Amino acid sequence: KAVNIADESAKGSVKLYVPRFYDGYTGIAPVKSFDREKSGLYDLGGNVSEWTHDSYSLTVPKLDTVYPQVLDTSTIAMRVIKGANWRSGSLSELRASYRDGAELGRDILGFRIGRFLSGGNE
């Protein structure tokens, strides 16, 4: 009861699932359905993958080239998708470091509001 991933209830509707695991939800779970993490945040594992603003590209960067942060979606439309969701059942997808890319929304995506913090005593 820690994460919402492809468990026994997903058998037959997804390609891979985690056998002998039951999270109590056959789809997306309501926010705060599981205990919060030590960080104080909820739902960091599973449920929905996070659609970020970071650009996603499979092009290998050129050596000795500095790339600015790309915020213009007209140059790179794909955005990074982070983490597992309720349809994830493979070892690759269940890693916290799992990344994918997408141009359009999906029913397995959500987002987390965040902001940049700078150093100092602000």
PDB file of N, CA and C in Angstrom:
ATOM      1  N   LYS A   1       0.828  -1.202   0.000  1.00  0.00           N
ATOM      2  CA  LYS A   1       0.000   0.000   0.000  1.00  0.00           C
ATOM      3  C   LYS A   1       0.865   1.256   0.000  1.00  0.00           C
ATOM      4  N   ALA A   2       1.898   1.246  -0.832  1.00  0.00           N
ATOM      5  CA  ALA A   2       2.805   2.404  -0.894  1.00  0.00           C
ATOM      6  C   ALA A   2       2.724   3.142  -2.218  1.00  0.00           C
ATOM      7  N   VAL A   3       2.431   2.427  -3.301  1.00  0.00           N
ATOM      8  CA  VAL A   3       2.375   3.034  -4.631  1.00  0.00           C
ATOM      9  C   VAL A   3       1.226   2.417  -5.421  1.00  0.00           C
ATOM     10  N   ASN A   4       0.744   3.151  -6.415  1.00  0.00           N
ATOM     11  CA  ASN A   4      -0.305   2.661  -7.300  1.00  0.00           C
ATOM     12  C   ASN A   4       0.339   2.330  -8.643  1.00  0.00           C
ATOM     13  N   ILE A   5       0.566   1.039  -8.881  1.00  0.00           N
ATOM     14  CA  ILE A   5       1.204   0.563 -10.109  1.00  0.00           C
ATOM     15  C   ILE A   5       0.369  -0.569 -10.694  1.00  0.00           C
ATOM     16  N   ALA A   6       0.831  -1.157 -11.784  1.00  0.00           N
ATOM     17  CA  ALA A   6       0.111  -2.271 -12.410  1.00  0.00           C
ATOM     18  C   ALA A   6       0.218  -3.492 -11.497  1.00  0.00           C
ATOM     19  N   ASP A   7      -0.824  -3.725 -10.725  1.00  0.00           N
ATOM     20  CA  ASP A   7      -0.842  -4.843  -9.785  1.00  0.00           C
ATOM     21  C   ASP A   7      -1.700  -5.981 -10.345  1.00  0.00           C
ATOM     22  N   GLU A   8      -2.076  -6.907  -9.499  1.00  0.00           N
ATOM     23  CA  GLU A   8      -2.889  -8.057  -9.932  1.00  0.00           C
ATOM     24  C   GLU A   8      -4.187  -7.619 -10.606  1.00  0.00           C
ATOM     25  N   SER A   9      -4.760  -6.492 -10.175  1.00  0.00           N
ATOM     26  CA  SER A   9      -6.019  -6.038 -10.770  1.00  0.00           C
ATOM     27  C   SER A   9      -5.846  -5.570 -12.213  1.00  0.00           C
ATOM     28  N   ALA A  10      -4.601  -5.293 -12.635  1.00  0.00           N
ATOM     29  CA  ALA A  10      -4.326  -4.844 -14.004  1.00  0.00           C
ATOM     30  C   ALA A  10      -4.077  -6.005 -14.956  1.00  0.00           C
ATOM     31  N   LYS A  11      -3.986  -7.228 -14.414  1.00  0.00           N
ATOM     32  CA  LYS A  11      -3.726  -8.394 -15.258  1.00  0.00           C
ATOM     33  C   LYS A  11      -4.777  -8.481 -16.359  1.00  0.00           C
ATOM     34  N   GLY A  12      -4.310  -8.601 -17.597  1.00  0.00           N
ATOM     35  CA  GLY A  12      -5.203  -8.682 -18.735  1.00  0.00           C
ATOM     36  C   GLY A  12      -5.438  -7.342 -19.424  1.00  0.00           C
ATOM     37  N   SER A  13      -5.169  -6.233 -18.731  1.00  0.00           N
ATOM     38  CA  SER A  13      -5.362  -4.920 -19.360  1.00  0.00           C
ATOM     39  C   SER A  13      -4.041  -4.220 -19.670  1.00  0.00           C
ATOM     40  N   VAL A  14      -2.933  -4.759 -19.159  1.00  0.00           N
ATOM     41  CA  VAL A  14      -1.598  -4.218 -19.447  1.00  0.00           C
ATOM     42  C   VAL A  14      -0.681  -5.365 -19.862  1.00  0.00           C
ATOM     43  N   LYS A  15       0.405  -5.019 -20.525  1.00  0.00           N
ATOM     44  CA  LYS A  15       1.341  -6.047 -20.999  1.00  0.00           C
ATOM     45  C   LYS A  15       2.079  -6.704 -19.829  1.00  0.00           C
ATOM     46  N   LEU A  16       2.564  -5.891 -18.889  1.00  0.00           N
ATOM     47  CA  LEU A  16       3.292  -6.391 -17.724  1.00  0.00           C
ATOM     48  C   LEU A  16       2.658  -5.867 -16.444  1.00  0.00           C
ATOM     49  N   TYR A  17       2.628  -6.703 -15.425  1.00  0.00           N
ATOM     50  CA  TYR A  17       2.100  -6.293 -14.121  1.00  0.00           C
ATOM     51  C   TYR A  17       2.953  -6.931 -13.033  1.00  0.00           C
ATOM     52  N   VAL A  18       2.776  -6.471 -11.797  1.00  0.00           N
ATOM     53  CA  VAL A  18       3.545  -6.990 -10.665  1.00  0.00           C
ATOM     54  C   VAL A  18       2.695  -8.063  -9.979  1.00  0.00           C
ATOM     55  N   PRO A  19       3.100  -9.329 -10.104  1.00  0.00           N
ATOM     56  CA  PRO A  19       2.309 -10.414  -9.501  1.00  0.00           C
ATOM     57  C   PRO A  19       2.347 -10.360  -7.973  1.00  0.00           C
ATOM     58  N   ARG A  20       1.262 -10.819  -7.364  1.00  0.00           N
ATOM     59  CA  ARG A  20       1.120 -10.893  -5.903  1.00  0.00           C
ATOM     60  C   ARG A  20       1.215  -9.521  -5.222  1.00  0.00           C
ATOM     61  N   PHE A  21       0.926  -8.433  -5.973  1.00  0.00           N
ATOM     62  CA  PHE A  21       0.907  -7.089  -5.400  1.00  0.00           C
ATOM     63  C   PHE A  21      -0.490  -6.513  -5.596  1.00  0.00           C
ATOM     64  N   TYR A  22      -1.041  -5.953  -4.530  1.00  0.00           N
ATOM     65  CA  TYR A  22      -2.369  -5.350  -4.563  1.00  0.00           C
ATOM     66  C   TYR A  22      -2.273  -3.967  -3.915  1.00  0.00           C
ATOM     67  N   ASP A  23      -2.567  -2.922  -4.703  1.00  0.00           N
ATOM     68  CA  ASP A  23      -2.518  -1.573  -4.137  1.00  0.00           C
ATOM     69  C   ASP A  23      -3.906  -1.023  -3.802  1.00  0.00           C
ATOM     70  N   GLY A  24      -4.963  -1.750  -4.201  1.00  0.00           N
ATOM     71  CA  GLY A  24      -6.316  -1.335  -3.860  1.00  0.00           C
ATOM     72  C   GLY A  24      -7.008  -0.483  -4.916  1.00  0.00           C
ATOM     73  N   TYR A  25      -6.345  -0.229  -6.049  1.00  0.00           N
ATOM     74  CA  TYR A  25      -6.930   0.614  -7.100  1.00  0.00           C
ATOM     75  C   TYR A  25      -6.724  -0.032  -8.466  1.00  0.00           C
ATOM     76  N   THR A  26      -7.771  -0.021  -9.292  1.00  0.00           N
ATOM     77  CA  THR A  26      -7.666  -0.576 -10.639  1.00  0.00           C
ATOM     78  C   THR A  26      -7.298   0.490 -11.660  1.00  0.00           C
ATOM     79  N   GLY A  27      -7.280   1.733 -11.272  1.00  0.00           N
ATOM     80  CA  GLY A  27      -6.911   2.858 -12.131  1.00  0.00           C
ATOM     81  C   GLY A  27      -6.233   3.921 -11.287  1.00  0.00           C
ATOM     82  N   ILE A  28      -6.464   5.167 -11.641  1.00  0.00           N
ATOM     83  CA  ILE A  28      -5.865   6.279 -10.897  1.00  0.00           C
ATOM     84  C   ILE A  28      -6.492   6.372  -9.512  1.00  0.00           C
ATOM     85  N   ALA A  29      -5.661   6.490  -8.493  1.00  0.00           N
ATOM     86  CA  ALA A  29      -6.123   6.624  -7.113  1.00  0.00           C
ATOM     87  C   ALA A  29      -6.302   8.104  -6.773  1.00  0.00           C
ATOM     88  N   PRO A  30      -7.247   8.435  -5.892  1.00  0.00           N
ATOM     89  CA  PRO A  30      -7.389   9.826  -5.459  1.00  0.00           C
ATOM     90  C   PRO A  30      -6.106  10.322  -4.777  1.00  0.00           C
ATOM     91  N   VAL A  31      -5.864  11.613  -4.871  1.00  0.00           N
ATOM     92  CA  VAL A  31      -4.685  12.214  -4.231  1.00  0.00           C
ATOM     93  C   VAL A  31      -4.696  11.883  -2.748  1.00  0.00           C
ATOM     94  N   LYS A  32      -3.517  11.614  -2.197  1.00  0.00           N
ATOM     95  CA  LYS A  32      -3.308  11.285  -0.770  1.00  0.00           C
ATOM     96  C   LYS A  32      -3.928   9.944  -0.377  1.00  0.00           C
ATOM     97  N   SER A  33      -4.063   9.021  -1.327  1.00  0.00           N
ATOM     98  CA  SER A  33      -4.574   7.687  -1.004  1.00  0.00           C
ATOM     99  C   SER A  33      -3.543   6.864  -0.237  1.00  0.00           C
ATOM    100  N   PHE A  34      -2.276   7.234  -0.348  1.00  0.00           N
ATOM    101  CA  PHE A  34      -1.192   6.525   0.321  1.00  0.00           C
ATOM    102  C   PHE A  34      -0.506   7.479   1.294  1.00  0.00           C
ATOM    103  N   ASP A  35       0.224   6.930   2.246  1.00  0.00           N
ATOM    104  CA  ASP A  35       0.930   7.762   3.222  1.00  0.00           C
ATOM    105  C   ASP A  35       1.935   8.673   2.533  1.00  0.00           C
ATOM    106  N   ARG A  36       2.197   9.802   3.156  1.00  0.00           N
ATOM    107  CA  ARG A  36       3.181  10.724   2.574  1.00  0.00           C
ATOM    108  C   ARG A  36       4.590  10.193   2.779  1.00  0.00           C
ATOM    109  N   GLU A  37       5.472  10.656   1.904  1.00  0.00           N
ATOM    110  CA  GLU A  37       6.886  10.282   1.981  1.00  0.00           C
ATOM    111  C   GLU A  37       7.548  11.039   3.134  1.00  0.00           C
ATOM    112  N   LYS A  38       8.762  10.660   3.470  1.00  0.00           N
ATOM    113  CA  LYS A  38       9.508  11.366   4.521  1.00  0.00           C
ATOM    114  C   LYS A  38       9.711  12.836   4.170  1.00  0.00           C
ATOM    115  N   SER A  39       9.697  13.147   2.872  1.00  0.00           N
ATOM    116  CA  SER A  39       9.853  14.531   2.415  1.00  0.00           C
ATOM    117  C   SER A  39       8.610  15.361   2.692  1.00  0.00           C
ATOM    118  N   GLY A  40       7.497  14.709   3.011  1.00  0.00           N
ATOM    119  CA  GLY A  40       6.244  15.409   3.230  1.00  0.00           C
ATOM    120  C   GLY A  40       5.354  15.447   2.002  1.00  0.00           C
ATOM    121  N   LEU A  41       5.837  14.915   0.869  1.00  0.00           N
ATOM    122  CA  LEU A  41       5.067  14.912  -0.371  1.00  0.00           C
ATOM    123  C   LEU A  41       4.302  13.598  -0.520  1.00  0.00           C
ATOM    124  N   TYR A  42       3.194  13.671  -1.226  1.00  0.00           N
ATOM    125  CA  TYR A  42       2.362  12.500  -1.485  1.00  0.00           C
ATOM    126  C   TYR A  42       2.526  12.026  -2.921  1.00  0.00           C
ATOM    127  N   ASP A  43       2.237  10.761  -3.131  1.00  0.00           N
ATOM    128  CA  ASP A  43       2.095  10.177  -4.472  1.00  0.00           C
ATOM    129  C   ASP A  43       3.325  10.351  -5.359  1.00  0.00           C
ATOM    130  N   LEU A  44       4.513  10.167  -4.795  1.00  0.00           N
ATOM    131  CA  LEU A  44       5.730  10.293  -5.591  1.00  0.00           C
ATOM    132  C   LEU A  44       6.014   9.049  -6.413  1.00  0.00           C
ATOM    133  N   GLY A  45       5.460   7.933  -6.038  1.00  0.00           N
ATOM    134  CA  GLY A  45       5.675   6.695  -6.782  1.00  0.00           C
ATOM    135  C   GLY A  45       4.374   6.175  -7.336  1.00  0.00           C
ATOM    136  N   GLY A  46       4.335   5.959  -8.635  1.00  0.00           N
ATOM    137  CA  GLY A  46       3.142   5.400  -9.244  1.00  0.00           C
ATOM    138  C   GLY A  46       2.021   6.409  -9.394  1.00  0.00           C
ATOM    139  N   ASN A  47       0.815   5.895  -9.595  1.00  0.00           N
ATOM    140  CA  ASN A  47      -0.411   6.640  -9.827  1.00  0.00           C
ATOM    141  C   ASN A  47      -0.399   7.304 -11.197  1.00  0.00           C
ATOM    142  N   VAL A  48       0.201   8.482 -11.348  1.00  0.00           N
ATOM    143  CA  VAL A  48       0.365   9.093 -12.663  1.00  0.00           C
ATOM    144  C   VAL A  48       1.821   9.496 -12.829  1.00  0.00           C
ATOM    145  N   SER A  49       2.320   9.398 -14.048  1.00  0.00           N
ATOM    146  CA  SER A  49       3.664   9.876 -14.346  1.00  0.00           C
ATOM    147  C   SER A  49       3.608  11.400 -14.405  1.00  0.00           C
ATOM    148  N   GLU A  50       4.737  12.040 -14.156  1.00  0.00           N
ATOM    149  CA  GLU A  50       4.771  13.502 -14.160  1.00  0.00           C
ATOM    150  C   GLU A  50       5.240  14.032 -15.502  1.00  0.00           C
ATOM    151  N   TRP A  51       4.440  14.895 -16.079  1.00  0.00           N
ATOM    152  CA  TRP A  51       4.774  15.563 -17.328  1.00  0.00           C
ATOM    153  C   TRP A  51       5.500  16.838 -16.949  1.00  0.00           C
ATOM    154  N   THR A  52       6.757  16.963 -17.316  1.00  0.00           N
ATOM    155  CA  THR A  52       7.563  18.114 -16.907  1.00  0.00           C
ATOM    156  C   THR A  52       7.718  19.106 -18.054  1.00  0.00           C
ATOM    157  N   HIS A  53       8.316  20.227 -17.757  1.00  0.00           N
ATOM    158  CA  HIS A  53       8.568  21.241 -18.774  1.00  0.00           C
ATOM    159  C   HIS A  53       9.927  21.034 -19.445  1.00  0.00           C
ATOM    160  N   ASP A  54      10.712  20.098 -18.967  1.00  0.00           N
ATOM    161  CA  ASP A  54      12.029  19.845 -19.542  1.00  0.00           C
ATOM    162  C   ASP A  54      11.906  19.254 -20.942  1.00  0.00           C
ATOM    163  N   SER A  55      12.759  19.689 -21.827  1.00  0.00           N
ATOM    164  CA  SER A  55      12.776  19.173 -23.199  1.00  0.00           C
ATOM    165  C   SER A  55      13.309  17.749 -23.220  1.00  0.00           C
ATOM    166  N   TYR A  56      12.755  16.926 -24.101  1.00  0.00           N
ATOM    167  CA  TYR A  56      13.162  15.534 -24.252  1.00  0.00           C
ATOM    168  C   TYR A  56      13.677  15.321 -25.664  1.00  0.00           C
ATOM    169  N   SER A  57      14.881  14.808 -25.762  1.00  0.00           N
ATOM    170  CA  SER A  57      15.470  14.549 -27.064  1.00  0.00           C
ATOM    171  C   SER A  57      16.382  13.336 -26.969  1.00  0.00           C
ATOM    172  N   LEU A  58      16.380  12.531 -28.007  1.00  0.00           N
ATOM    173  CA  LEU A  58      17.269  11.375 -28.067  1.00  0.00           C
ATOM    174  C   LEU A  58      18.522  11.667 -28.884  1.00  0.00           C
ATOM    175  N   THR A  59      18.690  12.920 -29.289  1.00  0.00           N
ATOM    176  CA  THR A  59      19.862  13.323 -30.048  1.00  0.00           C
ATOM    177  C   THR A  59      21.054  13.442 -29.101  1.00  0.00           C
ATOM    178  N   VAL A  60      22.159  12.838 -29.470  1.00  0.00           N
ATOM    179  CA  VAL A  60      23.363  12.900 -28.639  1.00  0.00           C
ATOM    180  C   VAL A  60      23.949  14.310 -28.720  1.00  0.00           C
ATOM    181  N   PRO A  61      24.216  14.952 -27.572  1.00  0.00           N
ATOM    182  CA  PRO A  61      24.776  16.303 -27.596  1.00  0.00           C
ATOM    183  C   PRO A  61      26.189  16.318 -28.182  1.00  0.00           C
ATOM    184  N   LYS A  62      26.541  17.419 -28.813  1.00  0.00           N
ATOM    185  CA  LYS A  62      27.885  17.576 -29.372  1.00  0.00           C
ATOM    186  C   LYS A  62      28.863  17.888 -28.248  1.00  0.00           C
ATOM    187  N   LEU A  63      30.070  17.339 -28.365  1.00  0.00           N
ATOM    188  CA  LEU A  63      31.102  17.601 -27.371  1.00  0.00           C
ATOM    189  C   LEU A  63      31.461  19.084 -27.352  1.00  0.00           C
ATOM    190  N   ASP A  64      31.827  19.588 -26.186  1.00  0.00           N
ATOM    191  CA  ASP A  64      32.272  20.970 -26.006  1.00  0.00           C
ATOM    192  C   ASP A  64      31.249  21.997 -26.477  1.00  0.00           C
ATOM    193  N   THR A  65      29.965  21.686 -26.363  1.00  0.00           N
ATOM    194  CA  THR A  65      28.913  22.622 -26.722  1.00  0.00           C
ATOM    195  C   THR A  65      28.040  22.865 -25.499  1.00  0.00           C
ATOM    196  N   VAL A  66      27.775  24.120 -25.207  1.00  0.00           N
ATOM    197  CA  VAL A  66      26.903  24.481 -24.096  1.00  0.00           C
ATOM    198  C   VAL A  66      25.501  24.685 -24.660  1.00  0.00           C
ATOM    199  N   TYR A  67      24.536  23.981 -24.100  1.00  0.00           N
ATOM    200  CA  TYR A  67      23.162  24.082 -24.559  1.00  0.00           C
ATOM    201  C   TYR A  67      22.346  24.852 -23.522  1.00  0.00           C
ATOM    202  N   PRO A  68      21.663  25.905 -23.948  1.00  0.00           N
ATOM    203  CA  PRO A  68      20.807  26.626 -22.994  1.00  0.00           C
ATOM    204  C   PRO A  68      19.580  25.786 -22.664  1.00  0.00           C
ATOM    205  N   GLN A  69      18.913  26.120 -21.568  1.00  0.00           N
ATOM    206  CA  GLN A  69      17.672  25.428 -21.236  1.00  0.00           C
ATOM    207  C   GLN A  69      16.657  25.780 -22.315  1.00  0.00           C
ATOM    208  N   VAL A  70      16.060  24.777 -22.914  1.00  0.00           N
ATOM    209  CA  VAL A  70      15.140  25.009 -24.026  1.00  0.00           C
ATOM    210  C   VAL A  70      13.718  25.111 -23.484  1.00  0.00           C
ATOM    211  N   LEU A  71      13.155  26.320 -23.505  1.00  0.00           N
ATOM    212  CA  LEU A  71      11.784  26.525 -23.048  1.00  0.00           C
ATOM    213  C   LEU A  71      10.832  26.755 -24.207  1.00  0.00           C
ATOM    214  N   ASP A  72      11.351  26.925 -25.393  1.00  0.00           N
ATOM    215  CA  ASP A  72      10.551  27.204 -26.579  1.00  0.00           C
ATOM    216  C   ASP A  72      10.080  25.891 -27.193  1.00  0.00           C
ATOM    217  N   THR A  73       8.781  25.620 -27.111  1.00  0.00           N
ATOM    218  CA  THR A  73       8.259  24.351 -27.617  1.00  0.00           C
ATOM    219  C   THR A  73       8.270  24.279 -29.133  1.00  0.00           C
ATOM    220  N   SER A  74       8.562  25.384 -29.825  1.00  0.00           N
ATOM    221  CA  SER A  74       8.622  25.311 -31.284  1.00  0.00           C
ATOM    222  C   SER A  74       9.928  24.678 -31.757  1.00  0.00           C
ATOM    223  N   THR A  75      10.949  24.612 -30.892  1.00  0.00           N
ATOM    224  CA  THR A  75      12.210  23.991 -31.287  1.00  0.00           C
ATOM    225  C   THR A  75      12.248  22.514 -30.916  1.00  0.00           C
ATOM    226  N   ILE A  76      11.796  22.176 -29.738  1.00  0.00           N
ATOM    227  CA  ILE A  76      11.704  20.773 -29.302  1.00  0.00           C
ATOM    228  C   ILE A  76      10.340  20.613 -28.637  1.00  0.00           C
ATOM    229  N   ALA A  77       9.436  19.909 -29.290  1.00  0.00           N
ATOM    230  CA  ALA A  77       8.072  19.786 -28.788  1.00  0.00           C
ATOM    231  C   ALA A  77       7.937  18.714 -27.707  1.00  0.00           C
ATOM    232  N   MET A  78       8.843  17.746 -27.698  1.00  0.00           N
ATOM    233  CA  MET A  78       8.720  16.655 -26.729  1.00  0.00           C
ATOM    234  C   MET A  78       9.158  17.119 -25.347  1.00  0.00           C
ATOM    235  N   ARG A  79       8.409  16.692 -24.344  1.00  0.00           N
ATOM    236  CA  ARG A  79       8.703  17.001 -22.951  1.00  0.00           C
ATOM    237  C   ARG A  79       8.979  15.714 -22.180  1.00  0.00           C
ATOM    238  N   VAL A  80       9.756  15.842 -21.115  1.00  0.00           N
ATOM    239  CA  VAL A  80      10.131  14.694 -20.288  1.00  0.00           C
ATOM    240  C   VAL A  80       8.941  14.224 -19.458  1.00  0.00           C
ATOM    241  N   ILE A  81       8.752  12.911 -19.449  1.00  0.00           N
ATOM    242  CA  ILE A  81       7.791  12.259 -18.566  1.00  0.00           C
ATOM    243  C   ILE A  81       8.606  11.483 -17.542  1.00  0.00           C
ATOM    244  N   LYS A  82       8.332  11.718 -16.246  1.00  0.00           N
ATOM    245  CA  LYS A  82       9.091  11.104 -15.166  1.00  0.00           C
ATOM    246  C   LYS A  82       8.255  10.077 -14.421  1.00  0.00           C
ATOM    247  N   GLY A  83       8.901   8.979 -14.064  1.00  0.00           N
ATOM    248  CA  GLY A  83       8.356   8.036 -13.114  1.00  0.00           C
ATOM    249  C   GLY A  83       7.270   7.094 -13.603  1.00  0.00           C
ATOM    250  N   ALA A  84       6.865   6.232 -12.684  1.00  0.00           N
ATOM    251  CA  ALA A  84       5.886   5.181 -12.949  1.00  0.00           C
ATOM    252  C   ALA A  84       4.462   5.713 -12.824  1.00  0.00           C
ATOM    253  N   ASN A  85       3.524   4.920 -13.323  1.00  0.00           N
ATOM    254  CA  ASN A  85       2.107   5.247 -13.186  1.00  0.00           C
ATOM    255  C   ASN A  85       1.333   3.959 -12.945  1.00  0.00           C
ATOM    256  N   TRP A  86       0.002   4.068 -12.858  1.00  0.00           N
ATOM    257  CA  TRP A  86      -0.817   2.903 -12.506  1.00  0.00           C
ATOM    258  C   TRP A  86      -0.815   1.807 -13.558  1.00  0.00           C
ATOM    259  N   ARG A  87      -0.247   2.082 -14.737  1.00  0.00           N
ATOM    260  CA  ARG A  87      -0.113   1.049 -15.773  1.00  0.00           C
ATOM    261  C   ARG A  87       1.305   0.486 -15.848  1.00  0.00           C
ATOM    262  N   SER A  88       2.211   0.926 -15.002  1.00  0.00           N
ATOM    263  CA  SER A  88       3.614   0.493 -15.050  1.00  0.00           C
ATOM    264  C   SER A  88       3.778  -0.842 -14.352  1.00  0.00           C
ATOM    265  N   GLY A  89       4.467  -1.767 -15.042  1.00  0.00           N
ATOM    266  CA  GLY A  89       4.685  -3.080 -14.454  1.00  0.00           C
ATOM    267  C   GLY A  89       6.064  -3.645 -14.725  1.00  0.00           C
ATOM    268  N   SER A  90       6.868  -2.985 -15.569  1.00  0.00           N
ATOM    269  CA  SER A  90       8.203  -3.514 -15.865  1.00  0.00           C
ATOM    270  C   SER A  90       9.231  -2.945 -14.900  1.00  0.00           C
ATOM    271  N   LEU A  91      10.338  -3.656 -14.721  1.00  0.00           N
ATOM    272  CA  LEU A  91      11.397  -3.174 -13.833  1.00  0.00           C
ATOM    273  C   LEU A  91      11.938  -1.825 -14.292  1.00  0.00           C
ATOM    274  N   SER A  92      12.027  -1.619 -15.603  1.00  0.00           N
ATOM    275  CA  SER A  92      12.519  -0.334 -16.121  1.00  0.00           C
ATOM    276  C   SER A  92      11.583   0.801 -15.739  1.00  0.00           C
ATOM    277  N   GLU A  93      10.295   0.620 -15.936  1.00  0.00           N
ATOM    278  CA  GLU A  93       9.323   1.675 -15.634  1.00  0.00           C
ATOM    279  C   GLU A  93       9.177   1.948 -14.148  1.00  0.00           C
ATOM    280  N   LEU A  94       9.423   0.969 -13.314  1.00  0.00           N
ATOM    281  CA  LEU A  94       9.210   1.139 -11.883  1.00  0.00           C
ATOM    282  C   LEU A  94      10.380   1.830 -11.171  1.00  0.00           C
ATOM    283  N   ARG A  95      11.466   2.072 -11.879  1.00  0.00           N
ATOM    284  CA  ARG A  95      12.595   2.800 -11.282  1.00  0.00           C
ATOM    285  C   ARG A  95      12.243   4.272 -11.120  1.00  0.00           C
ATOM    286  N   ALA A  96      12.693   4.903 -10.043  1.00  0.00           N
ATOM    287  CA  ALA A  96      12.455   6.332  -9.833  1.00  0.00           C
ATOM    288  C   ALA A  96      13.101   7.174 -10.931  1.00  0.00           C
ATOM    289  N   SER A  97      14.148   6.656 -11.551  1.00  0.00           N
ATOM    290  CA  SER A  97      14.860   7.398 -12.592  1.00  0.00           C
ATOM    291  C   SER A  97      14.274   7.193 -13.986  1.00  0.00           C
ATOM    292  N   TYR A  98      13.162   6.468 -14.112  1.00  0.00           N
ATOM    293  CA  TYR A  98      12.572   6.205 -15.430  1.00  0.00           C
ATOM    294  C   TYR A  98      12.158   7.511 -16.113  1.00  0.00           C
ATOM    295  N   ARG A  99      12.499   7.634 -17.399  1.00  0.00           N
ATOM    296  CA  ARG A  99      12.143   8.809 -18.201  1.00  0.00           C
ATOM    297  C   ARG A  99      11.609   8.365 -19.561  1.00  0.00           C
ATOM    298  N   ASP A 100      10.681   9.132 -20.079  1.00  0.00           N
ATOM    299  CA  ASP A 100      10.117   8.927 -21.409  1.00  0.00           C
ATOM    300  C   ASP A 100       9.857  10.313 -21.976  1.00  0.00           C
ATOM    301  N   GLY A 101       9.363  10.380 -23.192  1.00  0.00           N
ATOM    302  CA  GLY A 101       9.068  11.666 -23.798  1.00  0.00           C
ATOM    303  C   GLY A 101       7.731  11.642 -24.503  1.00  0.00           C
ATOM    304  N   ALA A 102       7.066  12.808 -24.570  1.00  0.00           N
ATOM    305  CA  ALA A 102       5.788  12.909 -25.265  1.00  0.00           C
ATOM    306  C   ALA A 102       5.546  14.346 -25.705  1.00  0.00           C
ATOM    307  N   GLU A 103       4.792  14.471 -26.791  1.00  0.00           N
ATOM    308  CA  GLU A 103       4.384  15.790 -27.271  1.00  0.00           C
ATOM    309  C   GLU A 103       2.971  16.130 -26.802  1.00  0.00           C
ATOM    310  N   LEU A 104       2.150  15.122 -26.608  1.00  0.00           N
ATOM    311  CA  LEU A 104       0.752  15.333 -26.240  1.00  0.00           C
ATOM    312  C   LEU A 104       0.437  14.646 -24.919  1.00  0.00           C
ATOM    313  N   GLY A 105      -0.630  15.085 -24.278  1.00  0.00           N
ATOM    314  CA  GLY A 105      -1.055  14.489 -23.022  1.00  0.00           C
ATOM    315  C   GLY A 105      -1.547  13.065 -23.190  1.00  0.00           C
ATOM    316  N   ARG A 106      -1.574  12.350 -22.091  1.00  0.00           N
ATOM    317  CA  ARG A 106      -2.072  10.968 -22.042  1.00  0.00           C
ATOM    318  C   ARG A 106      -2.864  10.817 -20.754  1.00  0.00           C
ATOM    319  N   ASP A 107      -3.657   9.760 -20.664  1.00  0.00           N
ATOM    320  CA  ASP A 107      -4.460   9.570 -19.457  1.00  0.00           C
ATOM    321  C   ASP A 107      -3.652   9.041 -18.271  1.00  0.00           C
ATOM    322  N   ILE A 108      -2.359   8.856 -18.448  1.00  0.00           N
ATOM    323  CA  ILE A 108      -1.494   8.391 -17.365  1.00  0.00           C
ATOM    324  C   ILE A 108      -0.606   9.523 -16.842  1.00  0.00           C
ATOM    325  N   LEU A 109      -0.865  10.755 -17.290  1.00  0.00           N
ATOM    326  CA  LEU A 109       0.005  11.880 -16.937  1.00  0.00           C
ATOM    327  C   LEU A 109      -0.669  12.870 -16.003  1.00  0.00           C
ATOM    328  N   GLY A 110       0.149  13.391 -15.119  1.00  0.00           N
ATOM    329  CA  GLY A 110      -0.251  14.487 -14.251  1.00  0.00           C
ATOM    330  C   GLY A 110       0.926  15.438 -14.171  1.00  0.00           C
ATOM    331  N   PHE A 111       0.870  16.395 -13.295  1.00  0.00           N
ATOM    332  CA  PHE A 111       2.001  17.286 -13.101  1.00  0.00           C
ATOM    333  C   PHE A 111       2.039  17.710 -11.645  1.00  0.00           C
ATOM    334  N   ARG A 112       3.186  18.135 -11.212  1.00  0.00           N
ATOM    335  CA  ARG A 112       3.379  18.603  -9.842  1.00  0.00           C
ATOM    336  C   ARG A 112       3.852  20.049  -9.921  1.00  0.00           C
ATOM    337  N   ILE A 113       3.174  20.906  -9.214  1.00  0.00           N
ATOM    338  CA  ILE A 113       3.566  22.314  -9.201  1.00  0.00           C
ATOM    339  C   ILE A 113       4.870  22.443  -8.423  1.00  0.00           C
ATOM    340  N   GLY A 114       5.820  23.129  -9.005  1.00  0.00           N
ATOM    341  CA  GLY A 114       7.108  23.334  -8.348  1.00  0.00           C
ATOM    342  C   GLY A 114       7.654  24.690  -8.733  1.00  0.00           C
ATOM    343  N   ARG A 115       8.712  25.083  -8.081  1.00  0.00           N
ATOM    344  CA  ARG A 115       9.348  26.343  -8.430  1.00  0.00           C
ATOM    345  C   ARG A 115      10.823  26.249  -8.146  1.00  0.00           C
ATOM    346  N   PHE A 116      11.583  27.097  -8.821  1.00  0.00           N
ATOM    347  CA  PHE A 116      13.022  27.161  -8.600  1.00  0.00           C
ATOM    348  C   PHE A 116      13.283  27.933  -7.318  1.00  0.00           C
ATOM    349  N   LEU A 117      14.238  27.479  -6.562  1.00  0.00           N
ATOM    350  CA  LEU A 117      14.669  28.194  -5.363  1.00  0.00           C
ATOM    351  C   LEU A 117      16.122  28.571  -5.537  1.00  0.00           C
ATOM    352  N   SER A 118      16.469  29.757  -5.115  1.00  0.00           N
ATOM    353  CA  SER A 118      17.866  30.158  -5.175  1.00  0.00           C
ATOM    354  C   SER A 118      18.402  30.203  -3.762  1.00  0.00           C
ATOM    355  N   GLY A 119      19.720  30.140  -3.641  1.00  0.00           N
ATOM    356  CA  GLY A 119      20.360  30.110  -2.314  1.00  0.00           C
ATOM    357  C   GLY A 119      20.132  31.376  -1.530  1.00  0.00           C
ATOM    358  N   GLY A 120      20.622  31.390  -0.327  1.00  0.00           N
ATOM    359  CA  GLY A 120      20.475  32.570   0.539  1.00  0.00           C
ATOM    360  C   GLY A 120      19.418  32.328   1.597  1.00  0.00           C
ATOM    361  N   ASN A 121      19.185  33.339   2.363  1.00  0.00           N
ATOM    362  CA  ASN A 121      18.216  33.260   3.447  1.00  0.00           C
ATOM    363  C   ASN A 121      16.939  34.006   3.069  1.00  0.00           C
ATOM    364  N   GLU A 122      16.286  33.549   2.051  1.00  0.00           N
ATOM    365  CA  GLU A 122      15.073  34.232   1.561  1.00  0.00           C
ATOM    366  C   GLU A 122      13.854  33.737   2.251  1.00  0.00           C
TER     367      GLU A 122
END
